[in-house]
């Protein structure tokens, strides 16, 4: 996990992925990795940030998005693409 923030009784699990030229979209691998980390922490939700650094990526205004997806173990992941 790239970031694990603990504040009082709140714990946030955050994974960061970079989509680079000649590589596939890291969404599925990021979800799988984060799901495993969250299981160890006993959490049912987390955050996945995917930064598109491909040379021919659309402008940030077109690719910026937020969606909630569920892992195979039914953990809620907020995916933010930038």
N, C-alpha and C. Protein backbone atom coordinates (compact mmCIF):
# COMPACT_ATOMS: atom_id res chain seq x y z
N UNK A 1 0.85 -1.16 0.00
CA UNK A 1 0.00 0.00 0.00
C UNK A 1 0.90 1.22 0.00
N UNK A 2 0.54 2.18 -0.82
CA UNK A 2 1.38 3.37 -0.92
C UNK A 2 1.17 4.32 0.24
N UNK A 3 -0.08 4.43 0.69
CA UNK A 3 -0.36 5.30 1.83
C UNK A 3 -1.35 4.62 2.77
N UNK A 4 -1.05 4.64 4.03
CA UNK A 4 -1.96 4.16 5.06
C UNK A 4 -2.04 5.29 6.07
N UNK A 5 -3.17 5.97 6.09
CA UNK A 5 -3.33 7.13 6.97
C UNK A 5 -4.21 6.72 8.14
N UNK A 6 -3.71 6.98 9.32
CA UNK A 6 -4.48 6.70 10.54
C UNK A 6 -4.64 7.99 11.31
N UNK A 7 -5.89 8.28 11.61
CA UNK A 7 -6.21 9.48 12.38
C UNK A 7 -7.30 9.09 13.37
N UNK A 8 -6.93 8.97 14.63
CA UNK A 8 -7.89 8.51 15.62
C UNK A 8 -8.32 7.09 15.29
N UNK A 9 -9.61 6.89 15.18
CA UNK A 9 -10.13 5.55 14.86
C UNK A 9 -10.32 5.33 13.37
N UNK A 10 -9.93 6.29 12.55
CA UNK A 10 -10.09 6.20 11.10
C UNK A 10 -8.80 5.74 10.43
N UNK A 11 -8.92 4.74 9.56
CA UNK A 11 -7.77 4.27 8.78
C UNK A 11 -8.15 4.31 7.31
N UNK A 12 -7.30 4.91 6.48
CA UNK A 12 -7.52 4.98 5.04
C UNK A 12 -6.41 4.23 4.32
N UNK A 13 -6.78 3.35 3.41
CA UNK A 13 -5.82 2.64 2.58
C UNK A 13 -5.84 3.23 1.18
N UNK A 14 -4.69 3.66 0.69
CA UNK A 14 -4.62 4.33 -0.61
C UNK A 14 -3.51 3.70 -1.44
N UNK A 15 -3.85 3.34 -2.67
CA UNK A 15 -2.87 2.79 -3.62
C UNK A 15 -2.74 3.76 -4.78
N UNK A 16 -1.51 3.98 -5.23
CA UNK A 16 -1.22 4.86 -6.36
C UNK A 16 -0.65 4.02 -7.50
N UNK A 17 -1.17 4.24 -8.70
CA UNK A 17 -0.66 3.55 -9.89
C UNK A 17 -0.42 4.57 -10.99
N UNK A 18 0.58 4.30 -11.82
CA UNK A 18 0.89 5.17 -12.96
C UNK A 18 0.72 4.37 -14.24
N UNK A 19 -0.05 4.91 -15.16
CA UNK A 19 -0.25 4.30 -16.48
C UNK A 19 0.76 4.92 -17.42
N UNK A 20 1.74 4.11 -17.84
CA UNK A 20 2.83 4.60 -18.68
C UNK A 20 2.72 4.05 -20.11
N UNK A 21 3.44 4.67 -21.01
CA UNK A 21 3.50 4.17 -22.39
C UNK A 21 3.95 2.72 -22.40
N UNK A 22 3.42 1.96 -23.33
CA UNK A 22 3.77 0.54 -23.54
C UNK A 22 3.35 -0.36 -22.38
N UNK A 23 2.51 0.13 -21.50
CA UNK A 23 1.98 -0.66 -20.39
C UNK A 23 0.46 -0.60 -20.47
N UNK A 24 -0.19 -1.64 -19.97
CA UNK A 24 -1.65 -1.64 -19.95
C UNK A 24 -2.19 -0.81 -18.80
N UNK A 25 -3.49 -0.60 -18.84
CA UNK A 25 -4.18 0.13 -17.78
C UNK A 25 -3.97 -0.63 -16.47
N UNK A 26 -3.45 0.03 -15.43
CA UNK A 26 -3.14 -0.65 -14.17
C UNK A 26 -4.35 -0.82 -13.24
N UNK A 27 -5.55 -0.57 -13.72
CA UNK A 27 -6.73 -0.64 -12.86
C UNK A 27 -6.89 -2.01 -12.20
N UNK A 28 -6.93 -3.07 -12.97
CA UNK A 28 -7.20 -4.39 -12.39
C UNK A 28 -6.11 -4.82 -11.41
N UNK A 29 -4.86 -4.59 -11.76
CA UNK A 29 -3.78 -4.97 -10.83
C UNK A 29 -3.82 -4.11 -9.57
N UNK A 30 -4.18 -2.84 -9.72
CA UNK A 30 -4.28 -1.96 -8.56
C UNK A 30 -5.41 -2.37 -7.63
N UNK A 31 -6.54 -2.78 -8.21
CA UNK A 31 -7.67 -3.23 -7.39
C UNK A 31 -7.32 -4.50 -6.63
N UNK A 32 -6.68 -5.42 -7.32
CA UNK A 32 -6.29 -6.68 -6.68
C UNK A 32 -5.29 -6.44 -5.55
N UNK A 33 -4.32 -5.61 -5.81
CA UNK A 33 -3.30 -5.30 -4.80
C UNK A 33 -3.93 -4.60 -3.59
N UNK A 34 -4.77 -3.61 -3.85
CA UNK A 34 -5.40 -2.87 -2.76
C UNK A 34 -6.34 -3.76 -1.96
N UNK A 35 -7.07 -4.65 -2.64
CA UNK A 35 -7.97 -5.58 -1.96
C UNK A 35 -7.20 -6.41 -0.94
N UNK A 36 -6.03 -6.87 -1.31
CA UNK A 36 -5.20 -7.66 -0.41
C UNK A 36 -4.75 -6.85 0.81
N UNK A 37 -4.33 -5.62 0.55
CA UNK A 37 -3.89 -4.76 1.65
C UNK A 37 -5.04 -4.46 2.61
N UNK A 38 -6.21 -4.16 2.06
CA UNK A 38 -7.36 -3.83 2.89
C UNK A 38 -7.79 -5.02 3.74
N UNK A 39 -7.67 -6.23 3.18
CA UNK A 39 -8.01 -7.43 3.94
C UNK A 39 -7.12 -7.53 5.18
N UNK A 40 -5.85 -7.25 5.03
CA UNK A 40 -4.93 -7.31 6.17
C UNK A 40 -5.25 -6.28 7.24
N UNK A 41 -5.79 -5.13 6.79
CA UNK A 41 -6.14 -4.07 7.74
C UNK A 41 -7.56 -4.24 8.30
N UNK A 42 -8.32 -5.16 7.74
CA UNK A 42 -9.71 -5.34 8.17
C UNK A 42 -10.62 -4.23 7.70
N UNK A 43 -10.31 -3.63 6.55
CA UNK A 43 -11.10 -2.52 6.01
C UNK A 43 -11.96 -2.99 4.84
N UNK A 44 -13.10 -2.34 4.66
CA UNK A 44 -14.00 -2.68 3.57
C UNK A 44 -14.02 -1.64 2.46
N UNK A 45 -13.16 -0.64 2.55
CA UNK A 45 -13.11 0.39 1.52
C UNK A 45 -11.70 0.96 1.42
N UNK A 46 -11.41 1.55 0.26
CA UNK A 46 -10.10 2.16 0.04
C UNK A 46 -10.14 3.08 -1.16
N UNK A 47 -9.00 3.61 -1.51
CA UNK A 47 -8.86 4.57 -2.61
C UNK A 47 -7.76 4.11 -3.56
N UNK A 48 -8.03 4.21 -4.85
CA UNK A 48 -7.04 3.89 -5.88
C UNK A 48 -6.93 5.08 -6.81
N UNK A 49 -5.73 5.64 -6.90
CA UNK A 49 -5.46 6.75 -7.82
C UNK A 49 -4.67 6.21 -9.00
N UNK A 50 -5.14 6.49 -10.21
CA UNK A 50 -4.45 6.08 -11.43
C UNK A 50 -4.05 7.35 -12.18
N UNK A 51 -2.75 7.58 -12.27
CA UNK A 51 -2.22 8.75 -12.96
C UNK A 51 -1.80 8.34 -14.37
N UNK A 52 -2.42 8.95 -15.38
CA UNK A 52 -2.15 8.61 -16.78
C UNK A 52 -0.99 9.47 -17.27
N UNK A 53 0.17 8.83 -17.41
CA UNK A 53 1.38 9.54 -17.84
C UNK A 53 1.81 9.14 -19.25
N UNK A 54 0.87 8.55 -20.00
CA UNK A 54 1.20 8.19 -21.38
C UNK A 54 1.40 9.46 -22.22
N UNK A 55 2.30 9.36 -23.17
CA UNK A 55 2.62 10.51 -24.01
C UNK A 55 1.38 11.05 -24.73
N UNK A 56 0.51 10.15 -25.19
CA UNK A 56 -0.67 10.58 -25.95
C UNK A 56 -1.96 10.47 -25.12
N UNK A 57 -1.83 10.63 -23.84
CA UNK A 57 -3.01 10.61 -22.97
C UNK A 57 -3.89 11.82 -23.28
N UNK A 58 -5.19 11.67 -23.15
CA UNK A 58 -6.08 12.81 -23.36
C UNK A 58 -5.75 13.93 -22.36
N UNK A 59 -6.19 15.14 -22.65
CA UNK A 59 -5.97 16.24 -21.70
C UNK A 59 -6.59 15.91 -20.34
N UNK A 60 -6.04 16.47 -19.29
CA UNK A 60 -6.49 16.18 -17.93
C UNK A 60 -7.99 16.42 -17.78
N UNK A 61 -8.52 17.43 -18.46
CA UNK A 61 -9.95 17.74 -18.35
C UNK A 61 -10.81 16.58 -18.85
N UNK A 62 -10.30 15.82 -19.83
CA UNK A 62 -11.06 14.72 -20.41
C UNK A 62 -10.87 13.41 -19.64
N UNK A 63 -9.75 13.23 -19.00
CA UNK A 63 -9.48 11.94 -18.34
C UNK A 63 -9.77 11.94 -16.84
N UNK A 64 -9.97 13.10 -16.25
CA UNK A 64 -10.24 13.18 -14.82
C UNK A 64 -11.61 12.58 -14.53
N UNK A 65 -11.63 11.57 -13.67
CA UNK A 65 -12.91 10.93 -13.33
C UNK A 65 -12.82 10.26 -11.97
N UNK A 66 -14.00 10.02 -11.41
CA UNK A 66 -14.13 9.32 -10.14
C UNK A 66 -15.24 8.30 -10.28
N UNK A 67 -15.00 7.08 -9.81
CA UNK A 67 -16.03 6.06 -9.81
C UNK A 67 -15.81 5.12 -8.63
N UNK A 68 -16.87 4.47 -8.22
CA UNK A 68 -16.77 3.48 -7.15
C UNK A 68 -16.93 2.11 -7.78
N UNK A 69 -15.96 1.24 -7.51
CA UNK A 69 -16.00 -0.14 -8.01
C UNK A 69 -15.86 -1.07 -6.81
N UNK A 70 -16.20 -2.33 -7.04
CA UNK A 70 -16.11 -3.32 -5.97
C UNK A 70 -15.13 -4.41 -6.36
N UNK A 71 -14.33 -4.82 -5.41
CA UNK A 71 -13.37 -5.89 -5.65
C UNK A 71 -14.10 -7.23 -5.63
N UNK A 72 -13.39 -8.29 -5.97
CA UNK A 72 -14.00 -9.63 -5.95
C UNK A 72 -14.45 -10.02 -4.55
N UNK A 73 -13.86 -9.37 -3.53
CA UNK A 73 -14.24 -9.63 -2.14
C UNK A 73 -15.22 -8.58 -1.61
N UNK A 74 -15.84 -7.85 -2.53
CA UNK A 74 -16.88 -6.86 -2.22
C UNK A 74 -16.40 -5.68 -1.37
N UNK A 75 -15.14 -5.30 -1.54
CA UNK A 75 -14.66 -4.08 -0.90
C UNK A 75 -14.92 -2.91 -1.85
N UNK A 76 -15.37 -1.81 -1.31
CA UNK A 76 -15.69 -0.62 -2.08
C UNK A 76 -14.41 0.19 -2.30
N UNK A 77 -14.09 0.45 -3.57
CA UNK A 77 -12.88 1.20 -3.90
C UNK A 77 -13.29 2.44 -4.71
N UNK A 78 -12.88 3.59 -4.23
CA UNK A 78 -13.07 4.82 -4.99
C UNK A 78 -11.86 4.98 -5.90
N UNK A 79 -12.13 4.94 -7.22
CA UNK A 79 -11.07 5.05 -8.22
C UNK A 79 -11.07 6.47 -8.77
N UNK A 80 -9.92 7.11 -8.68
CA UNK A 80 -9.76 8.46 -9.20
C UNK A 80 -8.72 8.41 -10.30
N UNK A 81 -9.12 8.81 -11.48
CA UNK A 81 -8.20 8.84 -12.62
C UNK A 81 -7.82 10.28 -12.93
N UNK A 82 -6.52 10.49 -13.14
CA UNK A 82 -6.03 11.83 -13.44
C UNK A 82 -4.95 11.75 -14.49
